[in-house]
């Protein structure tokens, strides 16, 4: 840099500092053009952006690209500036040129980042059209086709173009069956397009895939209440990737949920072995989940000392509310209720969200331990401090039902429906309460039907539908509904209802079997206990 150029750049910077950004920009851009120095071009772009002059920034970026065609940084600036100016077509052209200028080894990484870059475009369909057009050449290249189709599919999905997103996933998988991108996209679409995505995913999982991908597929199956195929996927995951800790955790938790406690314990113990040495917070949180589940299973078998040992190993950074809840449950089972309540009362909270969770945990414990009036006072006070909390309103509704203050309960639930019409549980709670009290049954069925429409896979809502159907005297239909609900989620309360329907229909041996299973799942379930007492059933 000679003296004249140095003076020119210095004068430009002084103008910028003194508030004359336009003059400073002109001087620095002129210096950049004279020298073809990428640093000066970048500085000119930055000055224009800082002064909120998009057109000047575009001018500088275009000059930079023209002077140094191979400058990839110029391409990045040019693309972002065009999008900021909402010049989407021009941005698409810049993207196409930018990808062609990149070496083949860098193209896939750049293609993956495209949806994030175009996220600022308000019209998602135009953005998706523009990107697919810009990627036309790389969509045809074997080395980039799978990644490019995945990017197109992601943008079609965000634009609400489900059929096009599905087709993009298929095209990407056909281009490279071993590429994870199209399969990850397929997983994200599987819930909305099961007929298209399920066969593709099922076939893909027959081959060797990444551990994270197989785990994602297993989680999808669990979400669809397909526990048996999910267990098969998790078993293969454990066999193929024995050091992958998350696979053991999810496998153990699913086995616990399905009632296979012996195998669940084996899987969770293995997860504890793998996760204990890993110091990062995410793994430590998962370790806490394993330890608390192991404690719960030990407690279920009356192994209180073992349960306490598992809880003692929970990392210090674990969720204090979840840990205290588990400790309180263990103390309660041992008859140490005063200690249990003290554990819950001593939970330290640092924000409103934690305070609400603490209240909910305390209230649930009070309800389960027949201290319903105390629960009412606790939640009522918390709701006065946070009157907008849907969670507290829902809990208060449950408490008022226990107190048989049904008008207050209904008022609360209808207020939740008004504020949050997508809340399936509010509709279900009121519908079930009416059905359980054998009153306003047609209205109860309508409420439960609305809940089921909002959450069609929820086994507890299916249980409510079966119960109101039974109350309406349609025993055969009720039996089918309750059997499906119980298969989807073995639960003591569902067992109580299913057993009662079987008993009334004269199938008493089957009813006895279901009730005994319910007692094994949760011996102190109030609904189940009341049902057995009403029918004078001795397990």
Protein backbone atom coordinates (compact mmCIF):
# COMPACT_ATOMS: atom_id res chain seq x y z
CA UNK A 1 0.00 0.00 0.00
CA UNK A 2 1.56 3.30 -1.09
CA UNK A 3 1.17 6.59 0.74
CA UNK A 4 -1.69 7.87 -1.41
CA UNK A 5 -3.72 4.70 -0.98
CA UNK A 6 -3.01 4.63 2.75
CA UNK A 7 -4.23 8.22 3.03
CA UNK A 8 -7.37 7.38 1.03
CA UNK A 9 -8.28 4.45 3.31
CA UNK A 10 -7.48 6.44 6.44
CA UNK A 11 -9.66 9.32 5.25
CA UNK A 12 -12.46 6.90 4.50
CA UNK A 13 -12.32 5.43 8.02
CA UNK A 14 -12.24 8.91 9.57
CA UNK A 15 -15.36 9.86 7.60
CA UNK A 16 -17.13 6.74 8.87
CA UNK A 17 -16.17 7.52 12.47
CA UNK A 18 -17.31 11.12 12.14
CA UNK A 19 -20.76 10.15 10.88
CA UNK A 20 -20.21 10.56 7.13
CA UNK A 21 -20.66 6.92 6.28
CA UNK A 22 -21.55 7.62 2.64
CA UNK A 23 -18.31 9.47 1.95
CA UNK A 24 -16.28 6.91 3.86
CA UNK A 25 -17.94 4.07 1.94
CA UNK A 26 -17.10 5.69 -1.43
CA UNK A 27 -13.43 6.18 -0.50
CA UNK A 28 -12.99 2.61 0.80
CA UNK A 29 -14.82 1.04 -2.17
CA UNK A 30 -12.65 3.08 -4.59
CA UNK A 31 -9.54 1.81 -2.80
CA UNK A 32 -10.80 -1.75 -3.05
CA UNK A 33 -11.38 -1.42 -6.79
CA UNK A 34 -7.89 0.01 -7.28
CA UNK A 35 -6.20 -2.84 -5.40
CA UNK A 36 -8.61 -5.78 -5.80
CA UNK A 37 -8.06 -6.31 -2.07
CA UNK A 38 -10.78 -8.60 -0.62
CA UNK A 39 -10.31 -7.10 2.85
CA UNK A 40 -11.17 -3.63 1.56
CA UNK A 41 -14.17 -4.93 -0.39
CA UNK A 42 -15.45 -6.64 2.76
CA UNK A 43 -14.90 -3.45 4.75
CA UNK A 44 -16.90 -1.46 2.19
CA UNK A 45 -19.78 -3.94 2.46
CA UNK A 46 -19.67 -3.80 6.26
CA UNK A 47 -19.73 0.02 6.28
CA UNK A 48 -22.78 0.03 4.00
CA UNK A 49 -24.56 -2.57 6.14
CA UNK A 50 -23.78 -0.67 9.35
CA UNK A 51 -25.30 2.47 7.86
CA UNK A 52 -28.37 0.43 6.78
CA UNK A 53 -27.78 1.10 3.10
CA UNK A 54 -28.71 -2.16 1.42
CA UNK A 55 -28.26 -0.85 -2.11
CA UNK A 56 -24.74 0.40 -1.36
CA UNK A 57 -23.87 -2.94 0.26
CA UNK A 58 -25.16 -4.74 -2.84
CA UNK A 59 -23.09 -2.45 -5.07
CA UNK A 60 -19.94 -3.23 -3.08
CA UNK A 61 -20.60 -6.99 -3.03
CA UNK A 62 -21.22 -7.04 -6.79
CA UNK A 63 -18.02 -5.08 -7.39
CA UNK A 64 -16.15 -7.55 -5.17
CA UNK A 65 -17.55 -10.54 -7.07
CA UNK A 66 -16.72 -8.94 -10.44
CA UNK A 67 -13.16 -8.08 -9.41
CA UNK A 68 -12.43 -11.44 -7.75
CA UNK A 69 -14.80 -14.05 -9.30
CA UNK A 70 -13.38 -16.88 -7.18
CA UNK A 71 -14.05 -15.09 -3.88
CA UNK A 72 -16.52 -17.36 -2.02
CA UNK A 73 -16.96 -14.80 0.77
CA UNK A 74 -18.26 -12.33 -1.81
CA UNK A 75 -20.86 -14.89 -2.86
CA UNK A 76 -22.05 -15.30 0.73
CA UNK A 77 -22.41 -11.54 1.23
CA UNK A 78 -24.15 -11.10 -2.12
CA UNK A 79 -26.71 -13.81 -1.34
CA UNK A 80 -27.52 -12.48 2.12
CA UNK A 81 -27.84 -8.88 0.93
CA UNK A 82 -30.20 -9.85 -1.91
CA UNK A 83 -32.40 -11.76 0.53
CA UNK A 84 -32.39 -8.84 2.97
CA UNK A 85 -33.60 -6.65 0.09
CA UNK A 86 -36.26 -9.32 -0.70
CA UNK A 87 -34.85 -9.77 -4.20
CA UNK A 88 -35.53 -13.49 -4.11
CA UNK A 89 -35.07 -14.25 -7.83
CA UNK A 90 -31.70 -12.53 -7.91
CA UNK A 91 -30.73 -14.37 -4.72
CA UNK A 92 -31.59 -17.65 -6.42
CA UNK A 93 -29.30 -16.80 -9.32
CA UNK A 94 -26.55 -15.85 -6.87
CA UNK A 95 -27.01 -19.15 -5.06
CA UNK A 96 -26.68 -21.09 -8.30
CA UNK A 97 -23.47 -19.26 -9.25
CA UNK A 98 -22.11 -19.60 -5.73
CA UNK A 99 -22.55 -23.39 -5.75
CA UNK A 100 -20.91 -23.71 -9.15
CA UNK A 101 -17.90 -21.74 -7.90
CA UNK A 102 -17.37 -24.00 -4.89
CA UNK A 103 -15.06 -27.02 -5.06
CA UNK A 104 -17.00 -30.32 -5.08
CA UNK A 105 -15.81 -31.16 -1.56
CA UNK A 106 -17.60 -28.07 -0.16
CA UNK A 107 -20.85 -28.17 -2.11
CA UNK A 108 -22.84 -30.52 0.15
CA UNK A 109 -22.10 -28.44 3.26
CA UNK A 110 -23.23 -25.29 1.45
CA UNK A 111 -26.44 -26.96 0.21
CA UNK A 112 -27.34 -28.08 3.75
CA UNK A 113 -27.17 -24.44 4.95
CA UNK A 114 -29.52 -23.09 2.25
CA UNK A 115 -32.85 -23.42 4.19
CA UNK A 116 -31.38 -21.40 7.06
CA UNK A 117 -30.22 -18.66 4.67
CA UNK A 118 -33.61 -18.45 2.94
CA UNK A 119 -35.58 -18.63 6.22
CA UNK A 120 -36.00 -14.82 6.21
CA UNK A 121 -38.05 -14.89 2.98
CA UNK A 122 -41.68 -14.29 4.08
CA UNK A 123 -43.30 -16.24 1.21
CA UNK A 124 -42.15 -19.81 1.85
CA UNK A 125 -43.53 -21.16 -1.42
CA UNK A 126 -41.62 -18.60 -3.48
CA UNK A 127 -38.50 -19.39 -1.47
CA UNK A 128 -38.91 -23.12 -2.13
CA UNK A 129 -39.52 -22.56 -5.86
CA UNK A 130 -36.46 -20.31 -6.09
CA UNK A 131 -34.17 -22.73 -4.29
CA UNK A 132 -35.27 -25.75 -6.31
CA UNK A 133 -34.59 -23.78 -9.50
CA UNK A 134 -31.19 -22.68 -8.17
CA UNK A 135 -30.26 -26.25 -7.28
CA UNK A 136 -31.22 -27.62 -10.70
CA UNK A 137 -27.67 -28.55 -11.67
CA UNK A 138 -26.66 -30.14 -8.33
CA UNK A 139 -29.92 -32.11 -8.23
CA UNK A 140 -28.60 -34.02 -11.26
CA UNK A 141 -25.12 -34.73 -9.89
CA UNK A 142 -24.69 -38.04 -8.09
CA UNK A 143 -22.40 -36.55 -5.43
CA UNK A 144 -24.89 -33.85 -4.39
CA UNK A 145 -28.35 -35.11 -5.43
CA UNK A 146 -29.32 -36.64 -2.07
CA UNK A 147 -28.33 -33.51 -0.13
CA UNK A 148 -29.98 -31.19 -2.66
CA UNK A 149 -33.27 -33.12 -2.65
CA UNK A 150 -33.21 -33.09 1.15
CA UNK A 151 -32.85 -29.29 1.11
CA UNK A 152 -35.68 -28.96 -1.41
CA UNK A 153 -37.84 -31.24 0.71
CA UNK A 154 -37.16 -29.27 3.88
CA UNK A 155 -38.22 -26.06 2.18
CA UNK A 156 -41.32 -27.66 0.65
CA UNK A 157 -42.24 -28.94 4.10
CA UNK A 158 -41.87 -25.45 5.62
CA UNK A 159 -44.03 -24.08 2.79
CA UNK A 160 -46.77 -26.57 3.65
CA UNK A 161 -46.33 -28.42 0.34
CA UNK A 162 -46.52 -31.91 1.79
CA UNK A 163 -46.79 -33.86 -1.46
CA UNK A 164 -43.75 -32.11 -2.92
CA UNK A 165 -41.78 -32.66 0.28
CA UNK A 166 -42.63 -36.37 0.19
CA UNK A 167 -41.55 -36.60 -3.43
CA UNK A 168 -38.27 -34.83 -2.63
CA UNK A 169 -37.57 -37.34 0.14
CA UNK A 170 -38.18 -40.23 -2.27
CA UNK A 171 -35.98 -38.68 -4.95
CA UNK A 172 -33.16 -38.09 -2.47
CA UNK A 173 -33.32 -41.63 -1.15
CA UNK A 174 -33.35 -43.06 -4.67
CA UNK A 175 -30.28 -40.97 -5.54
CA UNK A 176 -28.32 -42.38 -2.58
CA UNK A 177 -30.02 -45.02 -0.40
CA UNK A 178 -27.20 -44.76 2.18
CA UNK A 179 -27.52 -40.99 2.65
CA UNK A 180 -29.10 -40.06 6.02
CA UNK A 181 -30.56 -36.71 4.89
CA UNK A 182 -33.54 -38.03 2.88
CA UNK A 183 -34.36 -40.51 5.66
CA UNK A 184 -34.28 -37.81 8.34
CA UNK A 185 -36.62 -35.79 6.12
CA UNK A 186 -38.85 -38.87 5.73
CA UNK A 187 -39.02 -39.25 9.51
CA UNK A 188 -40.18 -35.65 9.87
CA UNK A 189 -42.93 -36.31 7.30
CA UNK A 190 -43.96 -39.77 8.51
CA UNK A 191 -46.66 -38.55 10.87
CA UNK A 192 -48.36 -36.46 8.18
CA UNK A 193 -47.84 -38.88 5.28
CA UNK A 194 -47.63 -42.39 6.78
CA UNK A 195 -48.73 -44.23 3.64
CA UNK A 196 -45.86 -42.73 1.64
CA UNK A 197 -43.10 -42.63 4.23
CA UNK A 198 -43.68 -45.82 6.26
CA UNK A 199 -42.70 -48.26 3.45
CA UNK A 200 -39.61 -46.20 2.58
CA UNK A 201 -38.44 -46.05 6.19
CA UNK A 202 -39.23 -49.69 6.93
CA UNK A 203 -37.19 -50.83 3.92
CA UNK A 204 -34.33 -48.45 4.70
CA UNK A 205 -34.06 -49.74 8.26
CA UNK A 206 -33.36 -53.25 6.97
CA UNK A 207 -29.89 -52.01 6.00
CA UNK A 208 -27.17 -50.61 8.25
CA UNK A 209 -27.95 -47.00 9.20
CA UNK A 210 -26.51 -44.44 11.58
CA UNK A 211 -27.30 -45.06 15.25
CA UNK A 212 -29.07 -41.70 15.61
CA UNK A 213 -31.24 -42.45 12.59
CA UNK A 214 -32.36 -45.86 13.86
CA UNK A 215 -33.10 -44.30 17.25
CA UNK A 216 -35.16 -41.60 15.53
CA UNK A 217 -37.14 -44.28 13.70
CA UNK A 218 -37.73 -46.16 16.96
CA UNK A 219 -38.95 -42.95 18.61
CA UNK A 220 -41.32 -42.41 15.68
CA UNK A 221 -42.75 -45.91 16.13
CA UNK A 222 -43.20 -45.28 19.85
CA UNK A 223 -45.06 -42.07 19.04
CA UNK A 224 -47.36 -44.11 16.80
CA UNK A 225 -48.00 -46.62 19.65
CA UNK A 226 -46.14 -49.34 17.71
CA UNK A 227 -44.18 -50.65 20.67
CA UNK A 228 -43.40 -54.10 19.28
CA UNK A 229 -41.62 -52.95 16.11
CA UNK A 230 -39.98 -50.18 18.14
CA UNK A 231 -38.53 -52.77 20.51
CA UNK A 232 -37.17 -54.73 17.54
CA UNK A 233 -35.45 -51.61 16.21
CA UNK A 234 -33.97 -50.83 19.62
CA UNK A 235 -32.70 -54.39 20.02
CA UNK A 236 -30.90 -54.11 16.69
CA UNK A 237 -29.57 -50.70 17.65
CA UNK A 238 -28.07 -52.13 20.85
CA UNK A 239 -26.52 -55.00 18.89
CA UNK A 240 -25.11 -52.86 16.08
CA UNK A 241 -23.95 -49.96 18.27
CA UNK A 242 -23.29 -51.33 21.77
CA UNK A 243 -21.46 -48.15 22.85
CA UNK A 244 -24.32 -45.84 21.84
CA UNK A 245 -25.70 -44.87 25.24
CA UNK A 246 -28.99 -43.29 24.12
CA UNK A 247 -30.12 -46.55 22.53
CA UNK A 248 -29.94 -48.38 25.86
CA UNK A 249 -31.81 -45.57 27.63
CA UNK A 250 -34.77 -45.47 25.23
CA UNK A 251 -34.90 -49.28 25.11
CA UNK A 252 -34.99 -49.50 28.90
CA UNK A 253 -37.66 -46.83 29.27
CA UNK A 254 -39.90 -48.48 26.68
CA UNK A 255 -39.52 -51.89 28.35
CA UNK A 256 -40.41 -50.27 31.67
CA UNK A 257 -43.51 -48.72 30.12
CA UNK A 258 -44.61 -52.07 28.67
CA UNK A 259 -44.15 -53.78 32.05
CA UNK A 260 -41.03 -55.87 31.31
CA UNK A 261 -39.18 -54.63 34.38
CA UNK A 262 -36.50 -57.32 34.44
CA UNK A 263 -35.26 -56.53 30.93
CA UNK A 264 -35.77 -52.81 31.47
CA UNK A 265 -33.42 -52.92 34.44
CA UNK A 266 -30.72 -54.65 32.37
CA UNK A 267 -30.89 -52.01 29.63
CA UNK A 268 -30.91 -49.08 32.05
CA UNK A 269 -28.00 -50.50 34.04
CA UNK A 270 -26.02 -50.64 30.79
CA UNK A 271 -26.95 -47.03 30.07
CA UNK A 272 -25.72 -46.00 33.52
CA UNK A 273 -22.38 -47.71 32.82
CA UNK A 274 -21.98 -45.86 29.53
CA UNK A 275 -23.28 -42.45 30.62
CA UNK A 276 -21.61 -42.10 34.03
CA UNK A 277 -18.15 -41.17 32.68
CA UNK A 278 -19.56 -38.58 30.26
CA UNK A 279 -19.45 -35.11 31.86
CA UNK A 280 -21.50 -33.09 29.36
CA UNK A 281 -24.83 -31.81 30.77
CA UNK A 282 -27.03 -33.56 28.19
CA UNK A 283 -25.62 -36.98 29.04
CA UNK A 284 -25.79 -36.28 32.77
CA UNK A 285 -29.48 -35.38 32.45
CA UNK A 286 -30.10 -38.68 30.66
CA UNK A 287 -28.13 -40.47 33.36
CA UNK A 288 -30.46 -38.94 35.95
CA UNK A 289 -33.45 -40.23 33.98
CA UNK A 290 -32.02 -43.77 34.01
CA UNK A 291 -31.25 -43.68 37.72
CA UNK A 292 -34.70 -42.40 38.65
CA UNK A 293 -36.35 -45.07 36.50
CA UNK A 294 -34.22 -47.76 38.15
CA UNK A 295 -35.22 -46.38 41.54
CA UNK A 296 -38.88 -46.48 40.55
CA UNK A 297 -38.65 -50.13 39.50
CA UNK A 298 -36.80 -51.08 42.69
CA UNK A 299 -39.46 -49.29 44.69
CA UNK A 300 -42.20 -51.15 42.83
CA UNK A 301 -40.62 -54.42 44.01
CA UNK A 302 -40.34 -53.20 47.60
CA UNK A 303 -36.54 -52.86 47.36
CA UNK A 304 -36.46 -49.55 49.20
CA UNK A 305 -32.76 -49.58 50.11
CA UNK A 306 -31.84 -50.26 46.48
CA UNK A 307 -34.14 -47.47 45.34
CA UNK A 308 -32.46 -45.05 47.74
CA UNK A 309 -29.05 -46.11 46.41
CA UNK A 310 -30.09 -45.35 42.84
CA UNK A 311 -31.45 -41.93 43.84
CA UNK A 312 -28.26 -41.16 45.75
CA UNK A 313 -26.31 -41.50 42.48
CA UNK A 314 -28.40 -38.93 40.62
CA UNK A 315 -26.10 -36.10 39.38
CA UNK A 316 -26.26 -32.84 41.32
CA UNK A 317 -27.36 -30.90 38.23
CA UNK A 318 -30.45 -33.07 37.76
CA UNK A 319 -33.93 -31.57 37.72
CA UNK A 320 -34.54 -30.87 41.44
CA UNK A 321 -38.32 -31.09 41.13
CA UNK A 322 -38.31 -34.45 39.38
CA UNK A 323 -35.78 -35.82 41.87
CA UNK A 324 -37.74 -34.55 44.89
CA UNK A 325 -40.94 -36.05 43.49
CA UNK A 326 -39.26 -39.46 43.19
CA UNK A 327 -37.81 -39.18 46.70
CA UNK A 328 -41.19 -38.20 48.13
CA UNK A 329 -42.90 -41.12 46.40
CA UNK A 330 -40.36 -43.54 47.90
CA UNK A 331 -40.76 -42.08 51.40
CA UNK A 332 -44.54 -42.21 51.10
CA UNK A 333 -44.51 -45.90 50.21
CA UNK A 334 -42.52 -46.51 53.39
CA UNK A 335 -45.13 -44.66 55.44
CA UNK A 336 -42.85 -41.65 56.00
CA UNK A 337 -45.39 -39.11 54.76
CA UNK A 338 -44.23 -36.20 56.93
CA UNK A 339 -40.72 -36.54 55.52
CA UNK A 340 -42.11 -36.83 52.01
CA UNK A 341 -44.06 -33.61 52.29
CA UNK A 342 -41.03 -31.83 53.75
CA UNK A 343 -38.89 -32.95 50.78
CA UNK A 344 -41.41 -31.39 48.39
CA UNK A 345 -41.81 -28.21 50.44
CA UNK A 346 -38.04 -27.66 50.50
CA UNK A 347 -37.63 -27.64 46.69
CA UNK A 348 -35.78 -24.46 45.72
CA UNK A 349 -37.10 -22.67 42.62
CA UNK A 350 -35.48 -19.87 40.66
CA UNK A 351 -38.22 -18.75 38.25
CA UNK A 352 -41.99 -18.74 37.70
CA UNK A 353 -41.93 -21.88 35.56
CA UNK A 354 -40.19 -23.86 38.30
CA UNK A 355 -42.55 -22.43 40.93
CA UNK A 356 -45.54 -23.66 38.92
CA UNK A 357 -44.02 -27.12 38.52
CA UNK A 358 -43.33 -27.31 42.24
CA UNK A 359 -46.95 -26.42 43.01
CA UNK A 360 -48.20 -29.08 40.59
CA UNK A 361 -45.98 -31.76 42.10
CA UNK A 362 -47.01 -30.84 45.66
CA UNK A 363 -50.70 -30.77 44.75
CA UNK A 364 -50.54 -34.15 43.04
CA UNK A 365 -48.89 -35.64 46.11
CA UNK A 366 -51.51 -34.09 48.40
CA UNK A 367 -54.33 -35.41 46.21
CA UNK A 368 -52.93 -38.92 46.16
CA UNK A 369 -52.51 -38.85 49.93
CA UNK A 370 -56.09 -37.74 50.67
CA UNK A 371 -55.12 -34.20 51.68
CA UNK A 372 -57.32 -32.64 49.05
CA UNK A 373 -58.28 -29.51 51.02
CA UNK A 374 -54.59 -28.66 51.45
CA UNK A 375 -54.08 -29.18 47.72
CA UNK A 376 -56.96 -26.80 46.98
CA UNK A 377 -55.50 -24.05 49.20
CA UNK A 378 -52.03 -24.52 47.68
CA UNK A 379 -53.13 -24.33 44.04
CA UNK A 380 -55.64 -21.54 44.67
CA UNK A 381 -52.89 -19.38 46.17
CA UNK A 382 -50.52 -20.13 43.29
CA UNK A 383 -53.23 -19.32 40.75
CA UNK A 384 -53.83 -15.94 42.37
CA UNK A 385 -50.16 -15.12 41.72
CA UNK A 386 -50.27 -16.54 38.15
CA UNK A 387 -53.88 -16.19 36.93
CA UNK A 388 -52.94 -16.95 33.31
CA UNK A 389 -51.46 -20.38 34.06
CA UNK A 390 -53.40 -23.07 32.20
CA UNK A 391 -51.46 -25.77 34.10
CA UNK A 392 -52.58 -24.43 37.48
CA UNK A 393 -56.18 -24.07 36.31
CA UNK A 394 -56.16 -27.67 35.09
CA UNK A 395 -54.76 -28.91 38.39
CA UNK A 396 -57.33 -26.92 40.36
CA UNK A 397 -60.06 -28.52 38.24
CA UNK A 398 -58.79 -31.97 39.24
CA UNK A 399 -58.70 -30.94 42.89
CA UNK A 400 -62.23 -29.54 42.82
CA UNK A 401 -63.50 -32.77 41.31
CA UNK A 402 -62.01 -34.70 44.23
CA UNK A 403 -63.83 -32.27 46.55
CA UNK A 404 -67.04 -32.90 44.55
CA UNK A 405 -67.27 -29.21 43.71
CA UNK A 406 -68.36 -30.08 40.20
CA UNK A 407 -69.71 -26.67 39.20
CA UNK A 408 -66.36 -25.06 40.01
CA UNK A 409 -64.54 -27.82 38.17
CA UNK A 410 -66.68 -27.37 35.06
CA UNK A 411 -66.20 -23.59 35.14
CA UNK A 412 -62.43 -24.02 35.23
CA UNK A 413 -62.35 -26.56 32.41
CA UNK A 414 -64.62 -24.48 30.17
CA UNK A 415 -62.36 -21.47 30.76
CA UNK A 416 -59.38 -23.58 29.66
CA UNK A 417 -61.29 -24.64 26.53
CA UNK A 418 -62.01 -20.98 25.78
CA UNK A 419 -58.41 -19.89 26.26
CA UNK A 420 -56.78 -22.93 24.69
CA UNK A 421 -59.23 -24.67 22.34
CA UNK A 422 -56.51 -27.07 21.16
CA UNK A 423 -56.14 -28.50 24.69
CA UNK A 424 -57.49 -32.03 24.31
CA UNK A 425 -57.19 -32.82 28.01
CA UNK A 426 -59.65 -30.12 29.10
CA UNK A 427 -62.35 -31.56 26.84
CA UNK A 428 -61.49 -35.09 27.98
CA UNK A 429 -61.48 -34.20 31.67
CA UNK A 430 -64.98 -32.72 31.60
CA UNK A 431 -66.34 -35.46 29.35
CA UNK A 432 -64.91 -38.20 31.56
CA UNK A 433 -66.21 -36.55 34.73
CA UNK A 434 -69.73 -36.41 33.32
CA UNK A 435 -69.50 -40.02 32.16
CA UNK A 436 -68.13 -41.21 35.47
CA UNK A 437 -71.01 -39.52 37.28
CA UNK A 438 -73.40 -41.05 34.72
CA UNK A 439 -74.92 -37.68 33.82
CA UNK A 440 -75.37 -35.69 30.59
CA UNK A 441 -73.94 -38.67 28.69
CA UNK A 442 -74.53 -37.37 25.17
CA UNK A 443 -72.74 -34.13 26.03
CA UNK A 444 -69.96 -36.16 27.63
CA UNK A 445 -69.54 -38.19 24.45
CA UNK A 446 -69.35 -35.03 22.33
CA UNK A 447 -66.66 -33.56 24.59
CA UNK A 448 -64.62 -36.77 24.48
CA UNK A 449 -65.04 -37.00 20.71
CA UNK A 450 -63.60 -33.48 20.40
CA UNK A 451 -60.68 -34.48 22.65
CA UNK A 452 -60.05 -37.55 20.50
CA UNK A 453 -60.11 -35.41 17.38
CA UNK A 454 -57.37 -33.23 18.88
CA UNK A 455 -55.31 -36.20 20.16
CA UNK A 456 -56.36 -39.35 18.27
CA UNK A 457 -53.50 -41.49 19.62
CA UNK A 458 -54.09 -40.74 23.30
CA UNK A 459 -54.97 -44.00 25.06
CA UNK A 460 -56.48 -42.22 28.07
CA UNK A 461 -58.93 -40.35 25.84
CA UNK A 462 -59.79 -43.64 24.14
CA UNK A 463 -60.44 -45.02 27.63
CA UNK A 464 -62.85 -42.13 28.28
CA UNK A 465 -64.67 -42.89 25.04
CA UNK A 466 -64.97 -46.54 26.02
CA UNK A 467 -66.27 -45.57 29.45
CA UNK A 468 -68.98 -43.22 28.19
CA UNK A 469 -69.96 -45.82 25.58
CA UNK A 470 -70.37 -48.34 28.41
CA UNK A 471 -72.43 -45.87 30.42
CA UNK A 472 -74.72 -45.49 27.40
CA UNK A 473 -75.33 -49.25 27.47
CA UNK A 474 -73.34 -50.12 24.32
CA UNK A 475 -71.28 -52.84 25.96
CA UNK A 476 -69.85 -54.62 22.91
CA UNK A 477 -68.60 -51.37 21.37
CA UNK A 478 -67.22 -50.22 24.73
CA UNK A 479 -65.31 -53.50 25.08
CA UNK A 480 -63.60 -53.06 21.71
CA UNK A 481 -62.60 -49.47 22.48
CA UNK A 482 -61.26 -50.30 25.95
CA UNK A 483 -59.35 -53.35 24.75
CA UNK A 484 -57.60 -51.18 22.13
CA UNK A 485 -56.82 -48.52 24.74
CA UNK A 486 -55.39 -51.12 27.13
CA UNK A 487 -53.23 -52.66 24.38
CA UNK A 488 -51.88 -49.21 23.52
CA UNK A 489 -51.14 -48.34 27.16
CA UNK A 490 -51.43 -50.91 29.94
CA UNK A 491 -52.64 -48.77 32.83
CA UNK A 492 -54.37 -49.48 36.14
CA UNK A 493 -57.27 -47.10 35.50
CA UNK A 494 -57.93 -48.46 32.02
CA UNK A 495 -57.72 -51.95 33.54
CA UNK A 496 -60.43 -50.98 36.04
CA UNK A 497 -62.82 -49.91 33.28
CA UNK A 498 -62.03 -52.81 30.95
CA UNK A 499 -62.45 -55.31 33.79
CA UNK A 500 -65.82 -53.85 34.74
CA UNK A 501 -67.13 -54.12 31.18
CA UNK A 502 -65.94 -57.74 30.97
CA UNK A 503 -67.52 -58.55 34.36
CA UNK A 504 -70.88 -57.02 33.43
CA UNK A 505 -70.82 -58.93 30.13
CA UNK A 506 -70.35 -62.20 32.04
CA UNK A 507 -66.69 -62.71 31.13
CA UNK A 508 -65.59 -62.85 34.74
CA UNK A 509 -62.37 -64.84 34.35
CA UNK A 510 -61.07 -62.35 31.79
CA UNK A 511 -62.14 -59.49 34.06
CA UNK A 512 -60.25 -61.02 36.99
CA UNK A 513 -57.12 -61.38 34.86
CA UNK A 514 -57.26 -57.75 33.76
CA UNK A 515 -57.88 -56.49 37.29
CA UNK A 516 -54.93 -58.48 38.64
CA UNK A 517 -52.74 -57.01 35.91
CA UNK A 518 -53.97 -53.57 36.93
CA UNK A 519 -52.97 -54.21 40.54
CA UNK A 520 -49.50 -55.20 39.37
CA UNK A 521 -49.24 -51.96 37.41
CA UNK A 522 -50.40 -49.70 40.27
CA UNK A 523 -51.84 -51.36 43.33
CA UNK A 524 -52.97 -48.10 44.94
CA UNK A 525 -54.89 -46.73 41.96
CA UNK A 526 -58.04 -45.20 43.43
CA UNK A 527 -60.34 -46.05 40.53
CA UNK A 528 -59.20 -49.66 40.44
CA UNK A 529 -59.52 -50.07 44.22
CA UNK A 530 -63.03 -48.60 44.21
CA UNK A 531 -64.04 -50.90 41.35
CA UNK A 532 -62.78 -54.03 43.10
CA UNK A 533 -64.56 -53.01 46.29
CA UNK A 534 -67.81 -52.34 44.47
CA UNK A 535 -67.78 -55.81 42.93
CA UNK A 536 -66.47 -57.42 46.12
CA UNK A 537 -63.59 -58.87 44.12
CA UNK A 538 -60.79 -60.48 46.14
CA UNK A 539 -57.54 -60.68 44.13
